[in-house]
C-alpha atoms as a PDB file:
ATOM      1  CA  MET A   1       7.533  12.090  -4.267  1.00  0.00           C
ATOM      2  CA  ILE A   2       7.756   9.521  -6.997  1.00  0.00           C
ATOM      3  CA  GLY A   3      10.769   9.438  -9.274  1.00  0.00           C
ATOM      4  CA  SER A   4      14.036  11.305  -9.425  1.00  0.00           C
ATOM      5  CA  ASP A   5      12.451  14.112 -11.480  1.00  0.00           C
ATOM      6  CA  CYS A   6      10.635  15.193  -8.330  1.00  0.00           C
ATOM      7  CA  GLN A   7      13.534  15.143  -5.881  1.00  0.00           C
ATOM      8  CA  GLY A   8      14.171  18.887  -6.205  1.00  0.00           C
ATOM      9  CA  PHE A   9      10.545  19.872  -5.599  1.00  0.00           C
ATOM     10  CA  VAL A  10      10.086  22.410  -2.836  1.00  0.00           C
ATOM     11  CA  LYS A  11       6.629  22.714  -1.396  1.00  0.00           C
ATOM     12  CA  PRO A  12       5.475  26.336  -1.652  1.00  0.00           C
ATOM     13  CA  ALA A  13       4.642  28.419   1.388  1.00  0.00           C
ATOM     14  CA  PRO A  14       0.957  28.520   2.350  1.00  0.00           C
ATOM     15  CA  ALA A  15      -0.990  30.682  -0.064  1.00  0.00           C
ATOM     16  CA  LEU A  16      -3.786  33.038   0.741  1.00  0.00           C
ATOM     17  CA  GLY A  17      -6.650  31.089   2.301  1.00  0.00           C
ATOM     18  CA  GLU A  18      -4.414  28.302   3.693  1.00  0.00           C
ATOM     19  CA  GLU A  19      -3.658  27.953   7.369  1.00  0.00           C
ATOM     20  CA  ALA A  20      -0.118  27.070   8.417  1.00  0.00           C
ATOM     21  CA  ILE A  21       0.250  24.981  11.562  1.00  0.00           C
ATOM     22  CA  ALA A  22       3.739  24.954  13.080  1.00  0.00           C
ATOM     23  CA  SER A  23       5.645  21.707  13.572  1.00  0.00           C
ATOM     24  CA  PRO A  24       6.574  21.519  17.283  1.00  0.00           C
ATOM     25  CA  LEU A  25       9.133  18.707  17.107  1.00  0.00           C
ATOM     26  CA  GLY A  26      12.681  18.476  15.776  1.00  0.00           C
ATOM     27  CA  GLY A  27      14.923  15.474  15.322  1.00  0.00           C
ATOM     28  CA  ARG A  28      18.288  14.123  14.320  1.00  0.00           C
ATOM     29  CA  CYS A  29      17.226  13.666  10.678  1.00  0.00           C
ATOM     30  CA  GLY A  30      15.729  17.120  10.379  1.00  0.00           C
ATOM     31  CA  PRO A  31      12.309  18.204  11.553  1.00  0.00           C
ATOM     32  CA  PHE A  32      10.162  15.337  12.826  1.00  0.00           C
ATOM     33  CA  LEU A  33       7.254  16.351  10.627  1.00  0.00           C
ATOM     34  CA  SER A  34       8.278  16.626   7.007  1.00  0.00           C
ATOM     35  CA  GLN A  35       6.533  19.950   6.632  1.00  0.00           C
ATOM     36  CA  ALA A  36       4.233  22.272   8.492  1.00  0.00           C
ATOM     37  CA  LEU A  37       0.741  20.868   8.603  1.00  0.00           C
ATOM     38  CA  ARG A  38      -1.760  22.964   6.742  1.00  0.00           C
ATOM     39  CA  ARG A  39      -5.299  22.859   5.507  1.00  0.00           C
ATOM     40  CA  LEU A  40      -5.382  23.101   1.744  1.00  0.00           C
ATOM     41  CA  GLY A  41      -8.148  24.796  -0.091  1.00  0.00           C
ATOM     42  CA  GLY A  42      -7.104  23.592  -3.544  1.00  0.00           C
ATOM     43  CA  GLU A  43      -5.092  20.865  -5.210  1.00  0.00           C
ATOM     44  CA  HIS A  44      -3.402  18.312  -2.917  1.00  0.00           C
ATOM     45  CA  PHE A  45      -0.904  16.859  -5.388  1.00  0.00           C
ATOM     46  CA  PRO A  46       1.598  19.325  -6.880  1.00  0.00           C
ATOM     47  CA  ARG A  47       2.224  18.971 -10.596  1.00  0.00           C
ATOM     48  CA  SER A  48       5.753  18.789 -11.976  1.00  0.00           C
ATOM     49  CA  GLU A  49       6.801  22.048 -13.606  1.00  0.00           C
ATOM     50  CA  PHE A  50       9.091  20.205 -16.038  1.00  0.00           C
ATOM     51  CA  PRO A  51       7.382  17.205 -17.637  1.00  0.00           C
ATOM     52  CA  LYS A  52       9.807  14.896 -19.443  1.00  0.00           C
ATOM     53  CA  ARG A  53       9.050  12.574 -22.270  1.00  0.00           C
ATOM     54  CA  GLY A  54       8.397   9.053 -21.045  1.00  0.00           C
ATOM     55  CA  ARG A  55       8.107  10.139 -17.416  1.00  0.00           C
ATOM     56  CA  PHE A  56       5.095  10.938 -15.288  1.00  0.00           C
ATOM     57  CA  ALA A  57       4.265  14.628 -15.392  1.00  0.00           C
ATOM     58  CA  MET A  58       2.848  14.559 -11.878  1.00  0.00           C
ATOM     59  CA  CYS A  59       4.825  14.188  -8.663  1.00  0.00           C
ATOM     60  CA  LEU A  60       2.957  12.827  -5.681  1.00  0.00           C
ATOM     61  CA  GLN A  61       3.862  14.139  -2.256  1.00  0.00           C
ATOM     62  CA  ALA A  62       3.051  11.579   0.409  1.00  0.00           C
ATOM     63  CA  GLY A  63       0.173  13.038   2.348  1.00  0.00           C
ATOM     64  CA  PRO A  64      -3.152  11.908   3.762  1.00  0.00           C
ATOM     65  CA  ALA A  65      -3.953   9.892   0.619  1.00  0.00           C
ATOM     66  CA  LEU A  66      -0.574   8.167   0.314  1.00  0.00           C
ATOM     67  CA  GLY A  67       1.222   8.310   3.611  1.00  0.00           C
ATOM     68  CA  PHE A  68       1.282   9.125   7.259  1.00  0.00           C
ATOM     69  CA  ASP A  69       3.727  11.387   9.076  1.00  0.00           C
ATOM     70  CA  PRO A  70       3.165  10.539  12.758  1.00  0.00           C
ATOM     71  CA  PRO A  71       2.423  13.593  14.909  1.00  0.00           C
ATOM     72  CA  GLU A  72       4.035  11.837  17.894  1.00  0.00           C
ATOM     73  CA  PRO A  73       7.179   9.661  17.864  1.00  0.00           C
ATOM     74  CA  ILE A  74       6.494   5.970  17.233  1.00  0.00           C
ATOM     75  CA  THR A  75       9.284   3.567  18.176  1.00  0.00           C
ATOM     76  CA  VAL A  76      10.045   0.830  15.636  1.00  0.00           C
ATOM     77  CA  THR A  77      13.042  -1.220  16.760  1.00  0.00           C
ATOM     78  CA  GLY A  78      12.446  -4.182  14.470  1.00  0.00           C
ATOM     79  CA  PRO A  79       9.944  -6.108  12.371  1.00  0.00           C
ATOM     80  CA  GLY A  80       7.798  -7.064  15.374  1.00  0.00           C
ATOM     81  CA  ASP A  81       7.250  -3.394  16.289  1.00  0.00           C
ATOM     82  CA  ALA A  82       6.572  -2.521  12.640  1.00  0.00           C
ATOM     83  CA  VAL A  83       3.928  -5.220  12.258  1.00  0.00           C
ATOM     84  CA  ALA A  84       2.378  -4.391  15.643  1.00  0.00           C
ATOM     85  CA  TRP A  85       2.074  -0.739  14.611  1.00  0.00           C
ATOM     86  CA  ALA A  86       0.711  -1.652  11.147  1.00  0.00           C
ATOM     87  CA  ARG A  87      -1.995  -3.848  12.712  1.00  0.00           C
ATOM     88  CA  ARG A  88      -3.695  -0.547  13.616  1.00  0.00           C
ATOM     89  CA  ILE A  89      -4.500  -0.227   9.898  1.00  0.00           C
ATOM     90  CA  THR A  90      -7.873  -1.794   9.185  1.00  0.00           C
ATOM     91  CA  ASP A  91      -7.501  -5.279   7.651  1.00  0.00           C
ATOM     92  CA  PHE A  92      -3.699  -4.991   7.490  1.00  0.00           C
ATOM     93  CA  GLY A  93      -2.255  -8.226   6.111  1.00  0.00           C
ATOM     94  CA  TRP A  94      -5.472  -9.357   4.448  1.00  0.00           C
ATOM     95  CA  TYR A  95      -5.056  -7.453   1.152  1.00  0.00           C
ATOM     96  CA  ALA A  96      -2.140  -7.412  -1.309  1.00  0.00           C
ATOM     97  CA  GLU A  97      -0.322  -4.132  -0.668  1.00  0.00           C
ATOM     98  CA  ILE A  98       3.049  -2.768   0.385  1.00  0.00           C
ATOM     99  CA  TYR A  99       3.940  -0.154   2.992  1.00  0.00           C
ATOM    100  CA  ALA A 100       7.307   1.614   3.203  1.00  0.00           C
ATOM    101  CA  LEU A 101       8.299   2.689   6.703  1.00  0.00           C
ATOM    102  CA  PHE A 102      10.937   5.416   6.788  1.00  0.00           C
ATOM    103  CA  LEU A 103      12.936   5.406  10.004  1.00  0.00           C
ATOM    104  CA  CYS A 104      15.253   7.853  11.730  1.00  0.00           C
ATOM    105  CA  GLY A 105      17.093   5.695  14.238  1.00  0.00           C
ATOM    106  CA  ALA A 106      14.267   3.738  15.854  1.00  0.00           C
ATOM    107  CA  VAL A 107      11.600   6.393  15.211  1.00  0.00           C
ATOM    108  CA  LEU A 108       9.034   6.135  12.429  1.00  0.00           C
ATOM    109  CA  ARG A 109       9.145   9.349  10.356  1.00  0.00           C
ATOM    110  CA  ARG A 110       6.766   8.337   7.565  1.00  0.00           C
ATOM    111  CA  ALA A 111       4.673   5.345   6.577  1.00  0.00           C
ATOM    112  CA  ALA A 112       3.824   5.364   2.877  1.00  0.00           C
ATOM    113  CA  TRP A 113       1.280   3.112   1.207  1.00  0.00           C
ATOM    114  CA  LEU A 114       2.784   2.038  -2.122  1.00  0.00           C
ATOM    115  CA  GLY A 115      -0.454   0.775  -3.579  1.00  0.00           C
ATOM    116  CA  ALA A 116      -2.959  -2.017  -3.751  1.00  0.00           C
ATOM    117  CA  ALA A 117      -2.087  -5.257  -5.502  1.00  0.00           C
ATOM    118  CA  VAL A 118       1.631  -4.371  -5.431  1.00  0.00           C
ATOM    119  CA  ALA A 119       3.910  -7.390  -5.144  1.00  0.00           C
ATOM    120  CA  LEU A 120       7.567  -7.812  -4.256  1.00  0.00           C
ATOM    121  CA  ASP A 121       8.257  -8.743  -7.907  1.00  0.00           C
ATOM    122  CA  ASP A 122       7.157  -5.251  -8.958  1.00  0.00           C
ATOM    123  CA  PHE A 123      10.436  -3.899  -7.541  1.00  0.00           C
ATOM    124  CA  ILE A 124      12.537  -5.696 -10.171  1.00  0.00           C
ATOM    125  CA  ALA A 125      12.107  -2.938 -12.765  1.00  0.00           C
ATOM    126  CA  TRP A 126      12.631  -0.055 -10.299  1.00  0.00           C
ATOM    127  CA  PRO A 127      14.125  -1.382  -7.044  1.00  0.00           C
ATOM    128  CA  ASP A 128      14.397   1.950  -5.247  1.00  0.00           C
ATOM    129  CA  PHE A 129      11.034   3.479  -6.215  1.00  0.00           C
ATOM    130  CA  SER A 130       9.930   3.415  -2.574  1.00  0.00           C
ATOM    131  CA  LEU A 131      12.537   6.107  -1.868  1.00  0.00           C
ATOM    132  CA  GLY A 132      10.422   8.525  -3.879  1.00  0.00           C
ATOM    133  CA  TYR A 133       8.115   8.617  -0.848  1.00  0.00           C
ATOM    134  CA  ALA A 134      10.909   9.491   1.613  1.00  0.00           C
ATOM    135  CA  PRO A 135      10.184  12.424   3.910  1.00  0.00           C
ATOM    136  CA  PRO A 136      11.993  15.700   3.247  1.00  0.00           C
ATOM    137  CA  GLY A 137      15.122  15.730   5.347  1.00  0.00           C
ATOM    138  CA  GLY A 138      15.631  12.047   4.590  1.00  0.00           C
ATOM    139  CA  ALA A 139      15.633   8.932   6.699  1.00  0.00           C
ATOM    140  CA  ASP A 140      18.289   6.598   8.125  1.00  0.00           C
ATOM    141  CA  ALA A 141      16.661   3.437   6.800  1.00  0.00           C
ATOM    142  CA  VAL A 142      13.552   2.006   5.192  1.00  0.00           C
ATOM    143  CA  MET A 143      11.565  -1.125   6.010  1.00  0.00           C
ATOM    144  CA  LEU A 144       9.036  -2.659   3.620  1.00  0.00           C
ATOM    145  CA  LEU A 145       5.930  -4.469   4.834  1.00  0.00           C
ATOM    146  CA  VAL A 146       4.786  -6.722   1.976  1.00  0.00           C
ATOM    147  CA  CYS A 147       1.248  -8.036   2.457  1.00  0.00           C
ATOM    148  CA  ARG A 148       0.541 -11.081   0.308  1.00  0.00           C
ATOM    149  CA  PRO A 149      -2.474 -12.954   1.602  1.00  0.00           C
ATOM    150  CA  GLY A 150      -2.709 -16.616   0.687  1.00  0.00           C
ATOM    151  CA  GLN A 151       0.934 -16.832  -0.452  1.00  0.00           C
ATOM    152  CA  GLY A 152       2.478 -17.610   2.914  1.00  0.00           C
ATOM    153  CA  VAL A 153       5.418 -15.971   4.605  1.00  0.00           C
ATOM    154  CA  VAL A 154       8.211 -18.352   3.599  1.00  0.00           C
ATOM    155  CA  PRO A 155      10.438 -16.485   1.121  1.00  0.00           C
ATOM    156  CA  THR A 156      10.858 -18.110  -2.295  1.00  0.00           C
ATOM    157  CA  ALA A 157      14.089 -18.090  -4.308  1.00  0.00           C
ATOM    158  CA  ALA A 158      12.635 -15.205  -6.354  1.00  0.00           C
ATOM    159  CA  ASP A 159      11.853 -13.290  -3.127  1.00  0.00           C
ATOM    160  CA  ARG A 160      15.482 -13.702  -2.016  1.00  0.00           C
ATOM    161  CA  ARG A 161      16.771 -12.379  -5.372  1.00  0.00           C
ATOM    162  CA  VAL A 162      14.480  -9.340  -5.170  1.00  0.00           C
ATOM    163  CA  TYR A 163      15.518  -8.758  -1.557  1.00  0.00           C
ATOM    164  CA  GLU A 164      19.205  -8.625  -2.554  1.00  0.00           C
ATOM    165  CA  LEU A 165      18.407  -6.283  -5.437  1.00  0.00           C
ATOM    166  CA  LEU A 166      16.474  -4.023  -3.053  1.00  0.00           C
ATOM    167  CA  ARG A 167      19.317  -4.036  -0.519  1.00  0.00           C
ATOM    168  CA  LEU A 168      21.867  -2.989  -3.147  1.00  0.00           C
ATOM    169  CA  ALA A 169      19.633  -0.284  -4.662  1.00  0.00           C
ATOM    170  CA  HIS A 170      18.826   1.257  -1.274  1.00  0.00           C
ATOM    171  CA  ALA A 171      22.462   1.129  -0.122  1.00  0.00           C
ATOM    172  CA  ALA A 172      23.496   2.947  -3.310  1.00  0.00           C
ATOM    173  CA  ARG A 173      21.106   5.769  -2.376  1.00  0.00           C
ATOM    174  CA  ASP A 174      22.450   5.902   1.250  1.00  0.00           C
ATOM    175  CA  VAL A 175      19.123   4.805   2.739  1.00  0.00           C
ATOM    176  CA  PRO A 176      19.756   1.184   3.747  1.00  0.00           C
ATOM    177  CA  LEU A 177      16.972  -1.343   3.547  1.00  0.00           C
ATOM    178  CA  ARG A 178      16.586  -2.486   7.132  1.00  0.00           C
ATOM    179  CA  ASP A 179      14.150  -5.292   6.354  1.00  0.00           C
ATOM    180  CA  VAL A 180      11.472  -6.697   4.104  1.00  0.00           C
ATOM    181  CA  VAL A 181       8.701  -8.227   6.184  1.00  0.00           C
ATOM    182  CA  LEU A 182       6.391 -10.693   4.442  1.00  0.00           C
ATOM    183  CA  VAL A 183       2.860 -10.656   5.877  1.00  0.00           C
ATOM    184  CA  ASP A 184       0.051 -13.140   5.255  1.00  0.00           C
ATOM    185  CA  GLY A 185      -2.974 -12.440   7.434  1.00  0.00           C
ATOM    186  CA  ARG A 186      -1.816 -12.785  11.053  1.00  0.00           C
ATOM    187  CA  ARG A 187       1.539 -14.401  10.187  1.00  0.00           C
ATOM    188  CA  TRP A 188       4.717 -12.538   9.260  1.00  0.00           C
ATOM    189  CA  HIS A 189       8.363 -13.258   8.503  1.00  0.00           C
ATOM    190  CA  SER A 190      11.445 -10.999   8.498  1.00  0.00           C
ATOM    191  CA  MET A 191      13.718 -11.544   5.481  1.00  0.00           C
ATOM    192  CA  ALA A 192      16.588  -9.810   7.319  1.00  0.00           C
ATOM    193  CA  SER A 193      16.568 -12.398  10.100  1.00  0.00           C
ATOM    194  CA  PRO A 194      19.392 -14.974  10.020  1.00  0.00           C
ATOM    195  CA  SER A 195      16.897 -17.653   8.939  1.00  0.00           C
ATOM    196  CA  GLY A 196      15.389 -15.161   6.396  1.00  0.00           C
END
């Protein structure tokens, strides 16, 4: 969900006409799936009950349109595994976009697409906005895959400043930033690496 206004949102139980499908897996960070899978007959994005002035009145729950909760465990031990998994996404690395990977240990709990034409600089105003997409039950860490075709994978001085800001903001929320991986087409670079 986007924004702190949505953090207390509890997804309602399936209503009449909706099928509930049980989540078979459990894990150290809570249930593996963030919620029981269900087929919705109506609206897919719950509206905030308490709109606040100057804030978005709609909270988006990561779902088929915004994110992916893997039905089976996917191991992500580092940036190489993250990029290898993301290459399954059609044209990954060839369009400007950012993905947030929420991890529990070395297991991917949720992959959230943060939008098209999003850049690393966009995090300056709200460095921890990716945490609004965290799965219920939380995550141990988050990794960002920043696709920026044509800009290369060598971090600039501005990239390094944003990376430090992101690290501090995520640490303050107890969900450490494990890495920011810059991707340009087939090439990638881990900012958390010693040469980062």
